[in-house]
Amino acid sequence: MGKTEEFYLKLKDSLEATTKFPTEYLYKFIVPATGNQVQEIEAIFKGSSAKFSTIKSKTGKYTSVSVRVQLTSSDKVILYYRKVEKVAGIISL
C-alpha cells in the first residue's frame, strides 16, 4: 500500500526544515529475499549517482537495501520514494 499525500507533505516540510540541498540522501528499504526486488530498486536509481549496499537477514527471508544518492531537492527525495513504493513487498525505513 502506498503512502498518503499527507505523509509526503509532512516529509517535504521536514526535509525543507532540516536538510540543506544538494545533499547525499540515504534511503533504507527491506525487501523479500526471494524475488528480484533488489534489481528493481537498482533500476529505479539507474543513471543517478546511487551507491548500493545489501545485507541478508539472519533467516535469509529478507534483504536490507541501503541507497546513498546525491540529490538537489526535497522533491527529488520524494520522487524516488514514490517510484520505489511500487516495488512488491517493499518496506521503507
N, C-alpha and C. Protein backbone atom coordinates (compact mmCIF):
# COMPACT_ATOMS: atom_id res chain seq x y z
N MET A 1 0.85 -1.18 0.00
CA MET A 1 0.00 0.00 0.00
C MET A 1 0.89 1.24 0.00
N GLY A 2 0.56 2.19 -0.82
CA GLY A 2 1.36 3.40 -0.97
C GLY A 2 1.15 4.38 0.18
N LYS A 3 2.04 5.29 0.25
CA LYS A 3 1.96 6.35 1.27
C LYS A 3 0.89 7.35 0.85
N THR A 4 0.38 8.07 1.83
CA THR A 4 -0.64 9.07 1.55
C THR A 4 0.01 10.40 1.17
N GLU A 5 -0.77 11.25 0.54
CA GLU A 5 -0.29 12.59 0.19
C GLU A 5 0.12 13.36 1.44
N GLU A 6 -0.63 13.16 2.52
CA GLU A 6 -0.32 13.84 3.79
C GLU A 6 1.08 13.45 4.26
N PHE A 7 1.42 12.16 4.14
CA PHE A 7 2.75 11.69 4.52
C PHE A 7 3.82 12.44 3.73
N TYR A 8 3.63 12.54 2.41
CA TYR A 8 4.63 13.19 1.56
C TYR A 8 4.72 14.70 1.84
N LEU A 9 3.61 15.33 2.16
CA LEU A 9 3.64 16.75 2.51
C LEU A 9 4.43 16.97 3.80
N LYS A 10 4.21 16.10 4.80
CA LYS A 10 4.95 16.20 6.06
C LYS A 10 6.44 15.93 5.83
N LEU A 11 6.74 14.94 5.00
CA LEU A 11 8.14 14.64 4.69
C LEU A 11 8.81 15.83 4.02
N LYS A 12 8.13 16.44 3.07
CA LYS A 12 8.68 17.61 2.37
C LYS A 12 8.97 18.73 3.36
N ASP A 13 8.01 19.02 4.23
CA ASP A 13 8.20 20.07 5.25
C ASP A 13 9.40 19.75 6.13
N SER A 14 9.51 18.50 6.56
CA SER A 14 10.61 18.08 7.43
C SER A 14 11.95 18.20 6.70
N LEU A 15 12.01 17.75 5.47
CA LEU A 15 13.24 17.85 4.70
C LEU A 15 13.65 19.30 4.48
N GLU A 16 12.68 20.14 4.16
CA GLU A 16 12.96 21.57 3.93
C GLU A 16 13.51 22.23 5.19
N ALA A 17 13.02 21.79 6.35
CA ALA A 17 13.43 22.40 7.61
C ALA A 17 14.78 21.89 8.11
N THR A 18 15.16 20.66 7.73
CA THR A 18 16.33 20.04 8.35
C THR A 18 17.48 19.73 7.39
N THR A 19 17.27 19.86 6.10
CA THR A 19 18.28 19.42 5.13
C THR A 19 18.68 20.55 4.20
N LYS A 20 19.97 20.70 4.01
CA LYS A 20 20.49 21.69 3.06
C LYS A 20 20.84 20.95 1.77
N PHE A 21 20.18 21.32 0.70
CA PHE A 21 20.41 20.68 -0.60
C PHE A 21 21.38 21.50 -1.42
N PRO A 22 22.18 20.88 -2.26
CA PRO A 22 22.25 19.44 -2.54
C PRO A 22 22.86 18.68 -1.36
N THR A 23 22.49 17.41 -1.24
CA THR A 23 22.98 16.57 -0.16
C THR A 23 23.01 15.11 -0.59
N GLU A 24 23.78 14.32 0.11
CA GLU A 24 23.73 12.88 -0.09
C GLU A 24 22.63 12.34 0.82
N TYR A 25 21.64 11.71 0.22
CA TYR A 25 20.49 11.21 0.97
C TYR A 25 20.60 9.69 1.09
N LEU A 26 20.22 9.16 2.24
CA LEU A 26 20.27 7.73 2.48
C LEU A 26 18.86 7.16 2.55
N TYR A 27 18.56 6.26 1.64
CA TYR A 27 17.30 5.51 1.66
C TYR A 27 17.60 4.15 2.26
N LYS A 28 16.65 3.62 3.03
CA LYS A 28 16.79 2.27 3.57
C LYS A 28 15.48 1.53 3.32
N PHE A 29 15.63 0.33 2.75
CA PHE A 29 14.47 -0.49 2.42
C PHE A 29 14.70 -1.92 2.88
N ILE A 30 13.61 -2.63 3.09
CA ILE A 30 13.66 -4.07 3.34
C ILE A 30 12.75 -4.71 2.30
N VAL A 31 13.27 -5.77 1.66
CA VAL A 31 12.50 -6.48 0.63
C VAL A 31 12.62 -7.98 0.87
N PRO A 32 11.63 -8.76 0.40
CA PRO A 32 11.74 -10.21 0.48
C PRO A 32 12.96 -10.68 -0.33
N ALA A 33 13.67 -11.66 0.18
CA ALA A 33 14.88 -12.14 -0.48
C ALA A 33 14.59 -13.07 -1.66
N THR A 34 13.35 -13.46 -1.82
CA THR A 34 13.01 -14.46 -2.82
C THR A 34 12.79 -13.91 -4.22
N GLY A 35 12.53 -12.61 -4.35
CA GLY A 35 12.22 -12.04 -5.66
C GLY A 35 13.37 -11.25 -6.24
N ASN A 36 13.05 -10.42 -7.22
CA ASN A 36 14.06 -9.59 -7.88
C ASN A 36 13.92 -8.13 -7.47
N GLN A 37 13.42 -7.88 -6.26
CA GLN A 37 13.18 -6.52 -5.81
C GLN A 37 14.45 -5.69 -5.72
N VAL A 38 15.58 -6.29 -5.36
CA VAL A 38 16.83 -5.53 -5.29
C VAL A 38 17.17 -4.98 -6.67
N GLN A 39 17.01 -5.80 -7.69
CA GLN A 39 17.28 -5.36 -9.07
C GLN A 39 16.28 -4.27 -9.49
N GLU A 40 15.04 -4.38 -9.05
CA GLU A 40 14.04 -3.35 -9.35
C GLU A 40 14.45 -2.01 -8.74
N ILE A 41 14.92 -2.04 -7.50
CA ILE A 41 15.36 -0.81 -6.84
C ILE A 41 16.56 -0.22 -7.57
N GLU A 42 17.51 -1.07 -7.94
CA GLU A 42 18.69 -0.59 -8.66
C GLU A 42 18.28 0.06 -9.99
N ALA A 43 17.29 -0.52 -10.67
CA ALA A 43 16.82 0.03 -11.94
C ALA A 43 16.19 1.41 -11.76
N ILE A 44 15.48 1.61 -10.65
CA ILE A 44 14.84 2.90 -10.38
C ILE A 44 15.89 4.00 -10.23
N PHE A 45 17.02 3.67 -9.64
CA PHE A 45 18.08 4.66 -9.41
C PHE A 45 19.12 4.70 -10.53
N LYS A 46 18.91 3.91 -11.58
CA LYS A 46 19.87 3.87 -12.69
C LYS A 46 20.04 5.26 -13.30
N GLY A 47 21.27 5.60 -13.61
CA GLY A 47 21.55 6.91 -14.19
C GLY A 47 21.81 7.99 -13.15
N SER A 48 21.66 7.64 -11.89
CA SER A 48 21.95 8.59 -10.81
C SER A 48 23.32 8.23 -10.23
N SER A 49 23.72 8.96 -9.20
CA SER A 49 25.00 8.70 -8.53
C SER A 49 24.86 7.65 -7.42
N ALA A 50 23.78 6.90 -7.42
CA ALA A 50 23.46 6.00 -6.31
C ALA A 50 24.52 4.93 -6.07
N LYS A 51 24.76 4.70 -4.77
CA LYS A 51 25.64 3.62 -4.32
C LYS A 51 24.77 2.70 -3.47
N PHE A 52 24.87 1.40 -3.73
CA PHE A 52 24.01 0.42 -3.07
C PHE A 52 24.80 -0.48 -2.13
N SER A 53 24.16 -0.87 -1.04
CA SER A 53 24.69 -1.93 -0.19
C SER A 53 23.51 -2.78 0.26
N THR A 54 23.75 -4.08 0.33
CA THR A 54 22.69 -5.01 0.73
C THR A 54 23.20 -5.93 1.83
N ILE A 55 22.28 -6.31 2.71
CA ILE A 55 22.58 -7.25 3.78
C ILE A 55 21.40 -8.21 3.89
N LYS A 56 21.69 -9.51 3.86
CA LYS A 56 20.63 -10.51 4.05
C LYS A 56 20.33 -10.65 5.54
N SER A 57 19.06 -10.91 5.85
CA SER A 57 18.68 -11.13 7.25
C SER A 57 19.25 -12.47 7.73
N LYS A 58 19.30 -12.65 9.04
CA LYS A 58 19.84 -13.90 9.60
C LYS A 58 19.07 -15.11 9.11
N THR A 59 17.77 -14.96 8.93
CA THR A 59 16.96 -16.09 8.48
C THR A 59 17.00 -16.27 6.96
N GLY A 60 17.52 -15.26 6.25
CA GLY A 60 17.59 -15.35 4.79
C GLY A 60 16.30 -15.00 4.09
N LYS A 61 15.28 -14.58 4.83
CA LYS A 61 13.98 -14.27 4.23
C LYS A 61 13.91 -12.87 3.65
N TYR A 62 14.75 -11.97 4.16
CA TYR A 62 14.69 -10.57 3.74
C TYR A 62 16.08 -10.05 3.38
N THR A 63 16.08 -8.99 2.60
CA THR A 63 17.31 -8.29 2.27
C THR A 63 17.12 -6.82 2.61
N SER A 64 18.09 -6.26 3.32
CA SER A 64 18.11 -4.84 3.62
C SER A 64 18.89 -4.15 2.51
N VAL A 65 18.32 -3.09 1.96
CA VAL A 65 18.95 -2.36 0.88
C VAL A 65 19.14 -0.91 1.31
N SER A 66 20.39 -0.45 1.27
CA SER A 66 20.69 0.96 1.54
C SER A 66 21.13 1.60 0.24
N VAL A 67 20.60 2.79 -0.02
CA VAL A 67 20.92 3.52 -1.24
C VAL A 67 21.36 4.93 -0.85
N ARG A 68 22.58 5.28 -1.21
CA ARG A 68 23.08 6.64 -1.00
C ARG A 68 23.13 7.32 -2.35
N VAL A 69 22.49 8.49 -2.41
CA VAL A 69 22.43 9.19 -3.70
C VAL A 69 22.46 10.70 -3.46
N GLN A 70 23.17 11.41 -4.32
CA GLN A 70 23.26 12.87 -4.25
C GLN A 70 21.98 13.45 -4.86
N LEU A 71 21.27 14.27 -4.09
CA LEU A 71 20.01 14.85 -4.56
C LEU A 71 20.01 16.36 -4.37
N THR A 72 19.25 17.05 -5.22
CA THR A 72 19.28 18.50 -5.24
C THR A 72 18.08 19.16 -4.58
N SER A 73 17.05 18.36 -4.21
CA SER A 73 15.86 18.97 -3.60
C SER A 73 15.02 17.93 -2.87
N SER A 74 14.14 18.43 -2.01
CA SER A 74 13.21 17.53 -1.30
C SER A 74 12.27 16.85 -2.30
N ASP A 75 11.96 17.55 -3.39
CA ASP A 75 11.09 16.95 -4.41
C ASP A 75 11.72 15.71 -5.02
N LYS A 76 13.04 15.73 -5.20
CA LYS A 76 13.74 14.56 -5.76
C LYS A 76 13.70 13.40 -4.77
N VAL A 77 13.87 13.70 -3.47
CA VAL A 77 13.79 12.66 -2.44
C VAL A 77 12.44 11.97 -2.53
N ILE A 78 11.39 12.75 -2.59
CA ILE A 78 10.02 12.22 -2.62
C ILE A 78 9.76 11.49 -3.93
N LEU A 79 10.29 11.99 -5.03
CA LEU A 79 10.11 11.32 -6.33
C LEU A 79 10.60 9.87 -6.27
N TYR A 80 11.78 9.66 -5.69
CA TYR A 80 12.30 8.29 -5.58
C TYR A 80 11.46 7.44 -4.65
N TYR A 81 10.98 8.01 -3.53
CA TYR A 81 10.10 7.24 -2.64
C TYR A 81 8.84 6.81 -3.39
N ARG A 82 8.28 7.69 -4.20
CA ARG A 82 7.07 7.36 -4.95
C ARG A 82 7.33 6.24 -5.96
N LYS A 83 8.50 6.26 -6.60
CA LYS A 83 8.84 5.21 -7.56
C LYS A 83 9.06 3.87 -6.87
N VAL A 84 9.79 3.91 -5.76
CA VAL A 84 10.16 2.68 -5.07
C VAL A 84 8.96 2.03 -4.38
N GLU A 85 7.97 2.80 -3.97
CA GLU A 85 6.83 2.22 -3.27
C GLU A 85 6.04 1.25 -4.15
N LYS A 86 6.28 1.26 -5.46
CA LYS A 86 5.59 0.35 -6.37
C LYS A 86 6.24 -1.04 -6.40
N VAL A 87 7.41 -1.20 -5.78
CA VAL A 87 8.11 -2.48 -5.74
C VAL A 87 7.36 -3.40 -4.77
N ALA A 88 7.04 -4.60 -5.23
CA ALA A 88 6.26 -5.55 -4.43
C ALA A 88 6.97 -5.93 -3.13
N GLY A 89 6.24 -5.84 -2.01
CA GLY A 89 6.75 -6.28 -0.72
C GLY A 89 7.74 -5.36 -0.05
N ILE A 90 7.97 -4.18 -0.61
CA ILE A 90 8.99 -3.29 -0.05
C ILE A 90 8.51 -2.60 1.22
N ILE A 91 9.45 -2.42 2.14
CA ILE A 91 9.20 -1.65 3.36
C ILE A 91 10.24 -0.53 3.37
N SER A 92 9.78 0.71 3.46
CA SER A 92 10.69 1.85 3.55
C SER A 92 10.93 2.19 5.00
N LEU A 93 12.18 2.39 5.36
CA LEU A 93 12.51 2.73 6.75
C LEU A 93 12.85 4.20 6.86
